Amino acid sequence: MGDYLEERLTKLAAESDGILEQRGTGLIRGIKVKKPAGEIIQRALEEGLLIISARDNVIRLVPPLIIRKEQIDEMIEKLKAAL
């Protein structure tokens, strides 16, 4: 699932000008964003997505190890809306 998440985040980064960089290993990912992470985290929460920050402009994604592709797709759509 880590490869699938990386693929989806890479595609999202290409489509969104709000993402500066994405990095990580497996399912643990960091996304460096242009806006303050707090604003995006609040919007994500309003979309029903719980994420945390690692720095002022870095969002951390740490989904459960048992996550399915459908859930990754849902997470990406909610993240896209929050960005």
Protein backbone atom coordinates (compact mmCIF):
# COMPACT_ATOMS: atom_id res chain seq x y z
CA MET A 1 0.00 0.00 0.00
CA GLY A 2 2.96 2.32 0.55
CA ASP A 3 3.76 2.33 -3.17
CA TYR A 4 0.13 3.08 -4.01
CA LEU A 5 0.04 5.97 -1.53
CA GLU A 6 3.27 7.36 -2.98
CA GLU A 7 1.82 7.12 -6.50
CA ARG A 8 -1.36 8.94 -5.48
CA LEU A 9 0.54 11.66 -3.61
CA THR A 10 2.88 12.18 -6.58
CA LYS A 11 -0.13 12.61 -8.84
CA LEU A 12 -1.74 15.01 -6.35
CA ALA A 13 1.49 17.04 -6.12
CA ALA A 14 1.59 17.33 -9.92
CA GLU A 15 -2.02 18.57 -10.00
CA SER A 16 -1.77 20.94 -7.03
CA ASP A 17 0.38 24.03 -6.81
CA GLY A 18 -0.01 23.95 -3.01
CA ILE A 19 2.41 21.03 -2.56
CA LEU A 20 6.12 21.81 -2.69
CA GLU A 21 7.46 18.33 -1.94
CA GLN A 22 6.39 14.95 -0.65
CA ARG A 23 8.68 12.42 0.97
CA GLY A 24 8.69 9.42 3.23
CA THR A 25 8.84 5.66 3.30
CA GLY A 26 6.02 3.16 3.08
CA LEU A 27 2.83 4.57 4.55
CA ILE A 28 4.57 7.26 6.62
CA ARG A 29 4.61 10.40 4.46
CA GLY A 30 5.41 14.06 4.85
CA ILE A 31 4.04 16.74 2.54
CA LYS A 32 5.71 20.14 2.43
CA VAL A 33 3.05 22.73 1.58
CA LYS A 34 3.03 26.41 0.64
CA LYS A 35 0.36 27.42 3.18
CA PRO A 36 0.70 27.05 6.94
CA ALA A 37 0.03 23.44 7.89
CA GLY A 38 -2.48 24.52 10.55
CA GLU A 39 -4.86 25.94 7.94
CA ILE A 40 -4.76 22.76 5.87
CA ILE A 41 -5.16 20.55 8.93
CA GLN A 42 -8.27 22.49 9.96
CA ARG A 43 -9.78 22.21 6.46
CA ALA A 44 -8.93 18.50 6.34
CA LEU A 45 -10.68 17.99 9.67
CA GLU A 46 -13.76 19.71 8.25
CA GLU A 47 -13.59 17.19 5.36
CA GLY A 48 -13.40 14.31 7.85
CA LEU A 49 -9.66 13.67 7.49
CA LEU A 50 -7.46 13.61 10.59
CA ILE A 51 -3.86 14.63 9.85
CA ILE A 52 -1.05 16.14 11.90
CA SER A 53 1.80 18.55 11.26
CA ALA A 54 5.50 17.88 11.53
CA ARG A 55 6.53 21.54 11.10
CA ASP A 56 4.96 24.88 10.24
CA ASN A 57 4.56 23.86 6.60
CA VAL A 58 4.78 20.05 6.69
CA ILE A 59 1.80 17.72 6.98
CA ARG A 60 2.38 14.20 8.26
CA LEU A 61 0.29 11.27 7.03
CA VAL A 62 0.42 8.12 9.13
CA PRO A 63 -2.47 5.87 8.07
CA PRO A 64 -3.06 2.48 9.70
CA LEU A 65 -1.10 -0.45 8.28
CA ILE A 66 -4.34 -2.20 7.30
CA ILE A 67 -5.51 0.65 5.03
CA ARG A 68 -7.09 -0.36 1.70
CA LYS A 69 -6.80 1.29 -1.73
CA GLU A 70 -10.34 2.66 -1.49
CA GLN A 71 -9.45 4.36 1.77
CA ILE A 72 -6.28 5.85 0.28
CA ASP A 73 -8.36 7.18 -2.61
CA GLU A 74 -10.81 8.72 -0.15
CA MET A 75 -7.95 10.25 1.85
CA ILE A 76 -6.43 11.80 -1.28
CA GLU A 77 -9.78 13.32 -2.33
CA LYS A 78 -10.27 14.86 1.12
CA LEU A 79 -6.69 16.13 1.15
CA LYS A 80 -7.19 17.62 -2.30
CA ALA A 81 -10.26 19.47 -1.06
CA ALA A 82 -8.32 20.75 1.97
CA LEU A 83 -5.47 22.08 -0.15
